[in-house]
């Protein structure tokens, strides 16, 4: 598998706070939403980048227990929403709003 975020995958990702990690995931969720139905290659690129960031976050040993479970569930819900899986009723718009709060918190160091 090709690593998209080379610098982050070598350890920099694990230096970020959880809010920073989730805020960055949210950026890719937003890009996925924006390219859906408009440009398949860009949609797929954003989708793949989001999944890689989810996986890097799940590999971060600081996140355990319920926190890790929530991250894994968010990944699952994202996949479902992006592919019209129908397992959940959550939309990419709702996920983008969910992750926006983390981006906002990371900028205000909360």
PDB file of N, CA and C in Angstrom:
ATOM      1  N   UNK A   1       0.837  -1.182   0.000  1.00  0.00           N
ATOM      2  CA  UNK A   1       0.000   0.000   0.000  1.00  0.00           C
ATOM      3  C   UNK A   1       0.883   1.247   0.000  1.00  0.00           C
ATOM      4  N   UNK A   2       0.524   2.217  -0.779  1.00  0.00           N
ATOM      5  CA  UNK A   2       1.276   3.459  -0.876  1.00  0.00           C
ATOM      6  C   UNK A   2       0.899   4.388   0.270  1.00  0.00           C
ATOM      7  N   UNK A   3       1.903   4.953   0.914  1.00  0.00           N
ATOM      8  CA  UNK A   3       1.661   5.920   1.983  1.00  0.00           C
ATOM      9  C   UNK A   3       1.511   7.294   1.343  1.00  0.00           C
ATOM     10  N   UNK A   4       0.409   7.942   1.621  1.00  0.00           N
ATOM     11  CA  UNK A   4       0.114   9.247   1.030  1.00  0.00           C
ATOM     12  C   UNK A   4       0.772  10.358   1.843  1.00  0.00           C
ATOM     13  N   UNK A   5       0.637  10.288   3.128  1.00  0.00           N
ATOM     14  CA  UNK A   5       1.168  11.315   4.038  1.00  0.00           C
ATOM     15  C   UNK A   5       2.506  10.842   4.601  1.00  0.00           C
ATOM     16  N   UNK A   6       3.544  10.903   3.775  1.00  0.00           N
ATOM     17  CA  UNK A   6       4.858  10.368   4.145  1.00  0.00           C
ATOM     18  C   UNK A   6       5.385  10.944   5.457  1.00  0.00           C
ATOM     19  N   UNK A   7       5.408  12.256   5.568  1.00  0.00           N
ATOM     20  CA  UNK A   7       5.974  12.906   6.759  1.00  0.00           C
ATOM     21  C   UNK A   7       5.169  12.565   8.008  1.00  0.00           C
ATOM     22  N   UNK A   8       3.868  12.581   7.879  1.00  0.00           N
ATOM     23  CA  UNK A   8       3.017  12.280   9.034  1.00  0.00           C
ATOM     24  C   UNK A   8       3.155  10.820   9.463  1.00  0.00           C
ATOM     25  N   UNK A   9       3.280   9.941   8.486  1.00  0.00           N
ATOM     26  CA  UNK A   9       3.362   8.513   8.784  1.00  0.00           C
ATOM     27  C   UNK A   9       4.661   8.134   9.483  1.00  0.00           C
ATOM     28  N   UNK A  10       5.688   8.960   9.350  1.00  0.00           N
ATOM     29  CA  UNK A  10       6.967   8.638   9.991  1.00  0.00           C
ATOM     30  C   UNK A  10       7.007   9.060  11.448  1.00  0.00           C
ATOM     31  N   UNK A  11       5.918   9.566  11.971  1.00  0.00           N
ATOM     32  CA  UNK A  11       5.856   9.869  13.392  1.00  0.00           C
ATOM     33  C   UNK A  11       5.294  11.231  13.738  1.00  0.00           C
ATOM     34  N   UNK A  12       5.327  12.156  12.804  1.00  0.00           N
ATOM     35  CA  UNK A  12       4.843  13.497  13.100  1.00  0.00           C
ATOM     36  C   UNK A  12       3.374  13.511  13.503  1.00  0.00           C
ATOM     37  N   UNK A  13       2.590  12.617  12.925  1.00  0.00           N
ATOM     38  CA  UNK A  13       1.159  12.548  13.242  1.00  0.00           C
ATOM     39  C   UNK A  13       0.938  12.323  14.735  1.00  0.00           C
ATOM     40  N   UNK A  14       1.794  11.540  15.336  1.00  0.00           N
ATOM     41  CA  UNK A  14       1.634  11.186  16.743  1.00  0.00           C
ATOM     42  C   UNK A  14       2.110  12.289  17.682  1.00  0.00           C
ATOM     43  N   UNK A  15       2.609  13.379  17.120  1.00  0.00           N
ATOM     44  CA  UNK A  15       2.960  14.555  17.912  1.00  0.00           C
ATOM     45  C   UNK A  15       1.780  15.518  18.030  1.00  0.00           C
ATOM     46  N   UNK A  16       0.771  15.320  17.185  1.00  0.00           N
ATOM     47  CA  UNK A  16      -0.398  16.192  17.192  1.00  0.00           C
ATOM     48  C   UNK A  16      -1.357  15.798  18.307  1.00  0.00           C
ATOM     49  N   UNK A  17      -2.128  16.765  18.777  1.00  0.00           N
ATOM     50  CA  UNK A  17      -3.172  16.461  19.752  1.00  0.00           C
ATOM     51  C   UNK A  17      -4.299  15.715  19.049  1.00  0.00           C
ATOM     52  N   UNK A  18      -5.175  15.125  19.830  1.00  0.00           N
ATOM     53  CA  UNK A  18      -6.320  14.441  19.237  1.00  0.00           C
ATOM     54  C   UNK A  18      -7.178  15.422  18.443  1.00  0.00           C
ATOM     55  N   UNK A  19      -7.383  16.614  18.980  1.00  0.00           N
ATOM     56  CA  UNK A  19      -8.183  17.620  18.264  1.00  0.00           C
ATOM     57  C   UNK A  19      -7.532  17.969  16.926  1.00  0.00           C
ATOM     58  N   UNK A  20      -6.208  18.081  16.901  1.00  0.00           N
ATOM     59  CA  UNK A  20      -5.514  18.387  15.644  1.00  0.00           C
ATOM     60  C   UNK A  20      -5.650  17.234  14.653  1.00  0.00           C
ATOM     61  N   UNK A  21      -5.514  16.016  15.144  1.00  0.00           N
ATOM     62  CA  UNK A  21      -5.665  14.861  14.266  1.00  0.00           C
ATOM     63  C   UNK A  21      -7.075  14.803  13.667  1.00  0.00           C
ATOM     64  N   UNK A  22      -8.079  14.950  14.525  1.00  0.00           N
ATOM     65  CA  UNK A  22      -9.458  14.869  14.052  1.00  0.00           C
ATOM     66  C   UNK A  22      -9.824  16.057  13.167  1.00  0.00           C
ATOM     67  N   UNK A  23      -9.275  17.210  13.463  1.00  0.00           N
ATOM     68  CA  UNK A  23      -9.499  18.369  12.599  1.00  0.00           C
ATOM     69  C   UNK A  23      -8.943  18.146  11.206  1.00  0.00           C
ATOM     70  N   UNK A  24      -7.766  17.537  11.118  1.00  0.00           N
ATOM     71  CA  UNK A  24      -7.172  17.227   9.815  1.00  0.00           C
ATOM     72  C   UNK A  24      -7.977  16.166   9.078  1.00  0.00           C
ATOM     73  N   UNK A  25      -8.464  15.187   9.803  1.00  0.00           N
ATOM     74  CA  UNK A  25      -9.342  14.198   9.177  1.00  0.00           C
ATOM     75  C   UNK A  25     -10.567  14.907   8.607  1.00  0.00           C
ATOM     76  N   UNK A  26     -11.101  15.843   9.376  1.00  0.00           N
ATOM     77  CA  UNK A  26     -12.274  16.592   8.926  1.00  0.00           C
ATOM     78  C   UNK A  26     -12.041  17.344   7.637  1.00  0.00           C
ATOM     79  N   UNK A  27     -10.827  17.839   7.430  1.00  0.00           N
ATOM     80  CA  UNK A  27     -10.513  18.521   6.169  1.00  0.00           C
ATOM     81  C   UNK A  27     -10.671  17.572   4.989  1.00  0.00           C
ATOM     82  N   UNK A  28     -10.203  16.344   5.170  1.00  0.00           N
ATOM     83  CA  UNK A  28     -10.345  15.359   4.087  1.00  0.00           C
ATOM     84  C   UNK A  28     -11.786  14.890   3.934  1.00  0.00           C
ATOM     85  N   UNK A  29     -12.512  14.823   5.042  1.00  0.00           N
ATOM     86  CA  UNK A  29     -13.940  14.496   4.957  1.00  0.00           C
ATOM     87  C   UNK A  29     -14.643  15.572   4.123  1.00  0.00           C
ATOM     88  N   UNK A  30     -14.323  16.832   4.375  1.00  0.00           N
ATOM     89  CA  UNK A  30     -14.909  17.932   3.607  1.00  0.00           C
ATOM     90  C   UNK A  30     -14.550  17.850   2.133  1.00  0.00           C
ATOM     91  N   UNK A  31     -13.302  17.529   1.842  1.00  0.00           N
ATOM     92  CA  UNK A  31     -12.888  17.392   0.436  1.00  0.00           C
ATOM     93  C   UNK A  31     -13.614  16.229  -0.233  1.00  0.00           C
ATOM     94  N   UNK A  32     -13.761  15.142   0.512  1.00  0.00           N
ATOM     95  CA  UNK A  32     -14.503  13.988  -0.013  1.00  0.00           C
ATOM     96  C   UNK A  32     -15.925  14.414  -0.370  1.00  0.00           C
ATOM     97  N   UNK A  33     -16.552  15.140   0.540  1.00  0.00           N
ATOM     98  CA  UNK A  33     -17.921  15.625   0.312  1.00  0.00           C
ATOM     99  C   UNK A  33     -17.969  16.552  -0.904  1.00  0.00           C
ATOM    100  N   UNK A  34     -17.003  17.458  -0.992  1.00  0.00           N
ATOM    101  CA  UNK A  34     -17.020  18.445  -2.073  1.00  0.00           C
ATOM    102  C   UNK A  34     -16.801  17.836  -3.453  1.00  0.00           C
ATOM    103  N   UNK A  35     -16.015  16.769  -3.552  1.00  0.00           N
ATOM    104  CA  UNK A  35     -15.714  16.171  -4.853  1.00  0.00           C
ATOM    105  C   UNK A  35     -16.676  15.053  -5.235  1.00  0.00           C
ATOM    106  N   UNK A  36     -17.474  14.628  -4.299  1.00  0.00           N
ATOM    107  CA  UNK A  36     -18.408  13.527  -4.575  1.00  0.00           C
ATOM    108  C   UNK A  36     -19.367  13.917  -5.687  1.00  0.00           C
ATOM    109  N   UNK A  37     -19.434  13.088  -6.713  1.00  0.00           N
ATOM    110  CA  UNK A  37     -20.323  13.326  -7.838  1.00  0.00           C
ATOM    111  C   UNK A  37     -19.813  14.367  -8.819  1.00  0.00           C
ATOM    112  N   UNK A  38     -18.637  14.949  -8.563  1.00  0.00           N
ATOM    113  CA  UNK A  38     -18.090  15.977  -9.452  1.00  0.00           C
ATOM    114  C   UNK A  38     -16.838  15.508 -10.183  1.00  0.00           C
ATOM    115  N   UNK A  39     -15.956  14.847  -9.443  1.00  0.00           N
ATOM    116  CA  UNK A  39     -14.683  14.413 -10.010  1.00  0.00           C
ATOM    117  C   UNK A  39     -14.272  13.135  -9.268  1.00  0.00           C
ATOM    118  N   UNK A  40     -14.422  12.011  -9.945  1.00  0.00           N
ATOM    119  CA  UNK A  40     -14.182  10.715  -9.299  1.00  0.00           C
ATOM    120  C   UNK A  40     -12.752  10.564  -8.795  1.00  0.00           C
ATOM    121  N   UNK A  41     -11.771  11.043  -9.542  1.00  0.00           N
ATOM    122  CA  UNK A  41     -10.371  10.898  -9.130  1.00  0.00           C
ATOM    123  C   UNK A  41     -10.092  11.724  -7.878  1.00  0.00           C
ATOM    124  N   UNK A  42     -10.580  12.935  -7.844  1.00  0.00           N
ATOM    125  CA  UNK A  42     -10.367  13.778  -6.663  1.00  0.00           C
ATOM    126  C   UNK A  42     -11.154  13.267  -5.462  1.00  0.00           C
ATOM    127  N   UNK A  43     -12.350  12.769  -5.717  1.00  0.00           N
ATOM    128  CA  UNK A  43     -13.140  12.155  -4.648  1.00  0.00           C
ATOM    129  C   UNK A  43     -12.368  10.985  -4.050  1.00  0.00           C
ATOM    130  N   UNK A  44     -11.867  10.105  -4.911  1.00  0.00           N
ATOM    131  CA  UNK A  44     -11.149   8.925  -4.435  1.00  0.00           C
ATOM    132  C   UNK A  44      -9.880   9.319  -3.689  1.00  0.00           C
ATOM    133  N   UNK A  45      -9.175  10.335  -4.173  1.00  0.00           N
ATOM    134  CA  UNK A  45      -7.973  10.801  -3.492  1.00  0.00           C
ATOM    135  C   UNK A  45      -8.279  11.307  -2.091  1.00  0.00           C
ATOM    136  N   UNK A  46      -9.324  12.122  -1.968  1.00  0.00           N
ATOM    137  CA  UNK A  46      -9.705  12.645  -0.649  1.00  0.00           C
ATOM    138  C   UNK A  46     -10.174  11.521   0.267  1.00  0.00           C
ATOM    139  N   UNK A  47     -10.928  10.593  -0.279  1.00  0.00           N
ATOM    140  CA  UNK A  47     -11.405   9.447   0.494  1.00  0.00           C
ATOM    141  C   UNK A  47     -10.220   8.636   1.024  1.00  0.00           C
ATOM    142  N   UNK A  48      -9.260   8.350   0.151  1.00  0.00           N
ATOM    143  CA  UNK A  48      -8.078   7.575   0.548  1.00  0.00           C
ATOM    144  C   UNK A  48      -7.245   8.318   1.589  1.00  0.00           C
ATOM    145  N   UNK A  49      -7.085   9.619   1.414  1.00  0.00           N
ATOM    146  CA  UNK A  49      -6.321  10.405   2.390  1.00  0.00           C
ATOM    147  C   UNK A  49      -7.014  10.397   3.754  1.00  0.00           C
ATOM    148  N   UNK A  50      -8.338  10.524   3.750  1.00  0.00           N
ATOM    149  CA  UNK A  50      -9.082  10.486   5.014  1.00  0.00           C
ATOM    150  C   UNK A  50      -8.889   9.142   5.707  1.00  0.00           C
ATOM    151  N   UNK A  51      -8.988   8.055   4.960  1.00  0.00           N
ATOM    152  CA  UNK A  51      -8.810   6.729   5.554  1.00  0.00           C
ATOM    153  C   UNK A  51      -7.404   6.574   6.124  1.00  0.00           C
ATOM    154  N   UNK A  52      -6.413   7.076   5.417  1.00  0.00           N
ATOM    155  CA  UNK A  52      -5.053   6.973   5.936  1.00  0.00           C
ATOM    156  C   UNK A  52      -4.906   7.747   7.244  1.00  0.00           C
ATOM    157  N   UNK A  53      -5.498   8.934   7.317  1.00  0.00           N
ATOM    158  CA  UNK A  53      -5.422   9.717   8.552  1.00  0.00           C
ATOM    159  C   UNK A  53      -6.186   9.031   9.690  1.00  0.00           C
ATOM    160  N   UNK A  54      -7.323   8.445   9.373  1.00  0.00           N
ATOM    161  CA  UNK A  54      -8.037   7.650  10.383  1.00  0.00           C
ATOM    162  C   UNK A  54      -7.130   6.527  10.891  1.00  0.00           C
ATOM    163  N   UNK A  55      -6.485   5.831   9.971  1.00  0.00           N
ATOM    164  CA  UNK A  55      -5.644   4.699  10.359  1.00  0.00           C
ATOM    165  C   UNK A  55      -4.429   5.141  11.168  1.00  0.00           C
ATOM    166  N   UNK A  56      -3.834   6.275  10.804  1.00  0.00           N
ATOM    167  CA  UNK A  56      -2.727   6.806  11.593  1.00  0.00           C
ATOM    168  C   UNK A  56      -3.195   7.161  13.004  1.00  0.00           C
ATOM    169  N   UNK A  57      -4.395   7.708  13.110  1.00  0.00           N
ATOM    170  CA  UNK A  57      -4.944   8.060  14.420  1.00  0.00           C
ATOM    171  C   UNK A  57      -5.215   6.801  15.240  1.00  0.00           C
ATOM    172  N   UNK A  58      -5.773   5.790  14.608  1.00  0.00           N
ATOM    173  CA  UNK A  58      -6.040   4.536  15.314  1.00  0.00           C
ATOM    174  C   UNK A  58      -4.745   3.840  15.747  1.00  0.00           C
ATOM    175  N   UNK A  59      -3.655   4.081  15.029  1.00  0.00           N
ATOM    176  CA  UNK A  59      -2.362   3.484  15.382  1.00  0.00           C
ATOM    177  C   UNK A  59      -1.664   4.244  16.509  1.00  0.00           C
ATOM    178  N   UNK A  60      -2.187   5.402  16.863  1.00  0.00           N
ATOM    179  CA  UNK A  60      -1.585   6.217  17.921  1.00  0.00           C
ATOM    180  C   UNK A  60      -1.883   5.560  19.267  1.00  0.00           C
ATOM    181  N   UNK A  61      -0.847   5.130  19.941  1.00  0.00           N
ATOM    182  CA  UNK A  61      -1.011   4.380  21.194  1.00  0.00           C
ATOM    183  C   UNK A  61      -1.575   5.219  22.339  1.00  0.00           C
ATOM    184  N   UNK A  62      -1.650   6.532  22.169  1.00  0.00           N
ATOM    185  CA  UNK A  62      -2.225   7.375  23.227  1.00  0.00           C
ATOM    186  C   UNK A  62      -3.734   7.199  23.323  1.00  0.00           C
ATOM    187  N   UNK A  63      -4.374   6.821  22.224  1.00  0.00           N
ATOM    188  CA  UNK A  63      -5.840   6.737  22.213  1.00  0.00           C
ATOM    189  C   UNK A  63      -6.247   5.301  22.483  1.00  0.00           C
ATOM    190  N   UNK A  64      -6.894   5.101  23.623  1.00  0.00           N
ATOM    191  CA  UNK A  64      -7.275   3.765  24.081  1.00  0.00           C
ATOM    192  C   UNK A  64      -8.750   3.729  24.455  1.00  0.00           C
ATOM    193  N   UNK A  65      -9.241   2.547  24.677  1.00  0.00           N
ATOM    194  CA  UNK A  65     -10.585   2.359  25.219  1.00  0.00           C
ATOM    195  C   UNK A  65     -11.683   2.996  24.394  1.00  0.00           C
ATOM    196  N   UNK A  66     -12.556   3.723  25.082  1.00  0.00           N
ATOM    197  CA  UNK A  66     -13.717   4.325  24.423  1.00  0.00           C
ATOM    198  C   UNK A  66     -13.317   5.365  23.382  1.00  0.00           C
ATOM    199  N   UNK A  67     -12.239   6.076  23.638  1.00  0.00           N
ATOM    200  CA  UNK A  67     -11.770   7.081  22.678  1.00  0.00           C
ATOM    201  C   UNK A  67     -11.387   6.406  21.363  1.00  0.00           C
ATOM    202  N   UNK A  68     -10.635   5.340  21.457  1.00  0.00           N
ATOM    203  CA  UNK A  68     -10.221   4.610  20.260  1.00  0.00           C
ATOM    204  C   UNK A  68     -11.429   4.012  19.550  1.00  0.00           C
ATOM    205  N   UNK A  69     -12.373   3.508  20.329  1.00  0.00           N
ATOM    206  CA  UNK A  69     -13.585   2.933  19.744  1.00  0.00           C
ATOM    207  C   UNK A  69     -14.388   3.994  18.979  1.00  0.00           C
ATOM    208  N   UNK A  70     -14.445   5.206  19.529  1.00  0.00           N
ATOM    209  CA  UNK A  70     -15.168   6.279  18.837  1.00  0.00           C
ATOM    210  C   UNK A  70     -14.483   6.650  17.522  1.00  0.00           C
ATOM    211  N   UNK A  71     -13.162   6.673  17.520  1.00  0.00           N
ATOM    212  CA  UNK A  71     -12.419   6.965  16.293  1.00  0.00           C
ATOM    213  C   UNK A  71     -12.695   5.883  15.250  1.00  0.00           C
ATOM    214  N   UNK A  72     -12.669   4.630  15.681  1.00  0.00           N
ATOM    215  CA  UNK A  72     -12.945   3.518  14.763  1.00  0.00           C
ATOM    216  C   UNK A  72     -14.372   3.593  14.225  1.00  0.00           C
ATOM    217  N   UNK A  73     -15.315   3.949  15.085  1.00  0.00           N
ATOM    218  CA  UNK A  73     -16.707   4.072  14.625  1.00  0.00           C
ATOM    219  C   UNK A  73     -16.852   5.238  13.652  1.00  0.00           C
ATOM    220  N   UNK A  74     -16.165   6.344  13.924  1.00  0.00           N
ATOM    221  CA  UNK A  74     -16.220   7.491  13.006  1.00  0.00           C
ATOM    222  C   UNK A  74     -15.689   7.090  11.634  1.00  0.00           C
ATOM    223  N   UNK A  75     -14.636   6.269  11.610  1.00  0.00           N
ATOM    224  CA  UNK A  75     -14.089   5.782  10.333  1.00  0.00           C
ATOM    225  C   UNK A  75     -15.134   4.943   9.602  1.00  0.00           C
ATOM    226  N   UNK A  76     -15.785   4.066  10.345  1.00  0.00           N
ATOM    227  CA  UNK A  76     -16.813   3.199   9.776  1.00  0.00           C
ATOM    228  C   UNK A  76     -17.973   4.018   9.212  1.00  0.00           C
ATOM    229  N   UNK A  77     -18.409   5.005   9.972  1.00  0.00           N
ATOM    230  CA  UNK A  77     -19.519   5.858   9.535  1.00  0.00           C
ATOM    231  C   UNK A  77     -19.109   6.676   8.313  1.00  0.00           C
ATOM    232  N   UNK A  78     -17.868   7.175   8.304  1.00  0.00           N
ATOM    233  CA  UNK A  78     -17.361   7.917   7.146  1.00  0.00           C
ATOM    234  C   UNK A  78     -17.398   7.047   5.891  1.00  0.00           C
ATOM    235  N   UNK A  79     -16.907   5.824   5.990  1.00  0.00           N
ATOM    236  CA  UNK A  79     -16.916   4.918   4.837  1.00  0.00           C
ATOM    237  C   UNK A  79     -18.335   4.691   4.333  1.00  0.00           C
ATOM    238  N   UNK A  80     -19.245   4.486   5.256  1.00  0.00           N
ATOM    239  CA  UNK A  80     -20.644   4.265   4.900  1.00  0.00           C
ATOM    240  C   UNK A  80     -21.237   5.490   4.207  1.00  0.00           C
ATOM    241  N   UNK A  81     -20.991   6.665   4.758  1.00  0.00           N
ATOM    242  CA  UNK A  81     -21.552   7.894   4.186  1.00  0.00           C
ATOM    243  C   UNK A  81     -20.958   8.191   2.810  1.00  0.00           C
ATOM    244  N   UNK A  82     -19.667   7.971   2.655  1.00  0.00           N
ATOM    245  CA  UNK A  82     -19.001   8.296   1.399  1.00  0.00           C
ATOM    246  C   UNK A  82     -19.387   7.344   0.272  1.00  0.00           C
ATOM    247  N   UNK A  83     -19.772   6.125   0.634  1.00  0.00           N
ATOM    248  CA  UNK A  83     -20.092   5.123  -0.384  1.00  0.00           C
ATOM    249  C   UNK A  83     -21.583   4.820  -0.478  1.00  0.00           C
ATOM    250  N   UNK A  84     -22.400   5.626   0.196  1.00  0.00           N
ATOM    251  CA  UNK A  84     -23.852   5.400   0.212  1.00  0.00           C
ATOM    252  C   UNK A  84     -24.205   3.993   0.674  1.00  0.00           C
ATOM    253  N   UNK A  85     -23.509   3.541   1.704  1.00  0.00           N
ATOM    254  CA  UNK A  85     -23.726   2.193   2.215  1.00  0.00           C
ATOM    255  C   UNK A  85     -25.092   1.975   2.829  1.00  0.00           C
ATOM    256  N   UNK A  86     -25.656   3.000   3.447  1.00  0.00           N
ATOM    257  CA  UNK A  86     -26.983   2.885   4.015  1.00  0.00           C
ATOM    258  C   UNK A  86     -27.051   2.218   5.378  1.00  0.00           C
ATOM    259  N   UNK A  87     -25.899   1.862   5.946  1.00  0.00           N
ATOM    260  CA  UNK A  87     -25.909   1.234   7.261  1.00  0.00           C
ATOM    261  C   UNK A  87     -26.248   2.258   8.345  1.00  0.00           C
ATOM    262  N   UNK A  88     -25.780   3.478   8.159  1.00  0.00           N
ATOM    263  CA  UNK A  88     -26.046   4.572   9.089  1.00  0.00           C
ATOM    264  C   UNK A  88     -26.797   5.663   8.337  1.00  0.00           C
ATOM    265  N   UNK A  89     -27.431   6.539   9.070  1.00  0.00           N
ATOM    266  CA  UNK A  89     -28.164   7.631   8.429  1.00  0.00           C
ATOM    267  C   UNK A  89     -27.363   8.937   8.468  1.00  0.00           C
ATOM    268  N   UNK A  90     -26.077   8.834   8.744  1.00  0.00           N
ATOM    269  CA  UNK A  90     -25.208  10.001   8.848  1.00  0.00           C
ATOM    270  C   UNK A  90     -24.728  10.391   7.455  1.00  0.00           C
ATOM    271  N   UNK A  91     -24.737  11.679   7.186  1.00  0.00           N
ATOM    272  CA  UNK A  91     -24.280  12.190   5.895  1.00  0.00           C
ATOM    273  C   UNK A  91     -22.863  12.746   6.003  1.00  0.00           C
ATOM    274  N   UNK A  92     -22.241  12.965   4.857  1.00  0.00           N
ATOM    275  CA  UNK A  92     -20.930  13.614   4.851  1.00  0.00           C
ATOM    276  C   UNK A  92     -21.029  15.034   5.392  1.00  0.00           C
ATOM    277  N   UNK A  93     -22.152  15.706   5.163  1.00  0.00           N
ATOM    278  CA  UNK A  93     -22.350  17.050   5.735  1.00  0.00           C
ATOM    279  C   UNK A  93     -22.312  16.996   7.257  1.00  0.00           C
ATOM    280  N   UNK A  94     -22.995  16.033   7.826  1.00  0.00           N
ATOM    281  CA  UNK A  94     -23.021  15.905   9.292  1.00  0.00           C
ATOM    282  C   UNK A  94     -21.636  15.566   9.831  1.00  0.00           C
ATOM    283  N   UNK A  95     -20.917  14.699   9.139  1.00  0.00           N
ATOM    284  CA  UNK A  95     -19.565  14.351   9.582  1.00  0.00           C
ATOM    285  C   UNK A  95     -18.629  15.550   9.486  1.00  0.00           C
ATOM    286  N   UNK A  96     -18.785  16.330   8.446  1.00  0.00           N
ATOM    287  CA  UNK A  96     -17.948  17.522   8.309  1.00  0.00           C
ATOM    288  C   UNK A  96     -18.192  18.479   9.480  1.00  0.00           C
ATOM    289  N   UNK A  97     -19.452  18.645   9.871  1.00  0.00           N
ATOM    290  CA  UNK A  97     -19.772  19.495  11.027  1.00  0.00           C
ATOM    291  C   UNK A  97     -19.184  18.914  12.312  1.00  0.00           C
ATOM    292  N   UNK A  98     -19.261  17.604  12.475  1.00  0.00           N
ATOM    293  CA  UNK A  98     -18.706  16.930  13.649  1.00  0.00           C
ATOM    294  C   UNK A  98     -17.208  17.210  13.769  1.00  0.00           C
ATOM    295  N   UNK A  99     -16.489  17.030  12.683  1.00  0.00           N
ATOM    296  CA  UNK A  99     -15.042  17.224  12.713  1.00  0.00           C
ATOM    297  C   UNK A  99     -14.646  18.693  12.781  1.00  0.00           C
ATOM    298  N   UNK A 100     -15.491  19.580  12.306  1.00  0.00           N
ATOM    299  CA  UNK A 100     -15.185  21.014  12.353  1.00  0.00           C
ATOM    300  C   UNK A 100     -14.927  21.489  13.781  1.00  0.00           C
ATOM    301  N   UNK A 101     -15.686  20.972  14.724  1.00  0.00           N
ATOM    302  CA  UNK A 101     -15.496  21.373  16.123  1.00  0.00           C
ATOM    303  C   UNK A 101     -14.095  21.019  16.626  1.00  0.00           C
ATOM    304  N   UNK A 102     -13.554  19.914  16.145  1.00  0.00           N
ATOM    305  CA  UNK A 102     -12.185  19.544  16.543  1.00  0.00           C
ATOM    306  C   UNK A 102     -11.165  20.493  15.920  1.00  0.00           C
ATOM    307  N   UNK A 103     -11.385  20.869  14.672  1.00  0.00           N
ATOM    308  CA  UNK A 103     -10.485  21.821  14.024  1.00  0.00           C
ATOM    309  C   UNK A 103     -10.508  23.149  14.758  1.00  0.00           C
ATOM    310  N   UNK A 104     -11.694  23.574  15.121  1.00  0.00           N
ATOM    311  CA  UNK A 104     -11.849  24.826  15.852  1.00  0.00           C
ATOM    312  C   UNK A 104     -11.160  24.743  17.221  1.00  0.00           C
ATOM    313  N   UNK A 105     -11.353  23.641  17.919  1.00  0.00           N
ATOM    314  CA  UNK A 105     -10.720  23.459  19.226  1.00  0.00           C
ATOM    315  C   UNK A 105      -9.204  23.444  19.115  1.00  0.00           C
ATOM    316  N   UNK A 106      -8.681  22.820  18.069  1.00  0.00           N
ATOM    317  CA  UNK A 106      -7.227  22.728  17.928  1.00  0.00           C
ATOM    318  C   UNK A 106      -6.610  24.095  17.667  1.00  0.00           C
ATOM    319  N   UNK A 107      -7.339  24.962  17.024  1.00  0.00           N
ATOM    320  CA  UNK A 107      -6.834  26.319  16.762  1.00  0.00           C
ATOM    321  C   UNK A 107      -6.880  27.195  17.994  1.00  0.00           C
ATOM    322  N   UNK A 108      -7.753  26.865  18.900  1.00  0.00           N
ATOM    323  CA  UNK A 108      -7.887  27.630  20.138  1.00  0.00           C
ATOM    324  C   UNK A 108      -7.210  26.925  21.309  1.00  0.00           C
ATOM    325  N   UNK A 109      -6.494  25.825  20.991  1.00  0.00           N
ATOM    326  CA  UNK A 109      -5.734  25.061  21.989  1.00  0.00           C
ATOM    327  C   UNK A 109      -6.597  24.619  23.155  1.00  0.00           C
ATOM    328  N   UNK A 110      -7.793  24.104  22.833  1.00  0.00           N
ATOM    329  CA  UNK A 110      -8.698  23.611  23.885  1.00  0.00           C
ATOM    330  C   UNK A 110      -8.501  22.134  24.092  1.00  0.00           C
TER     331      UNK A 110
END
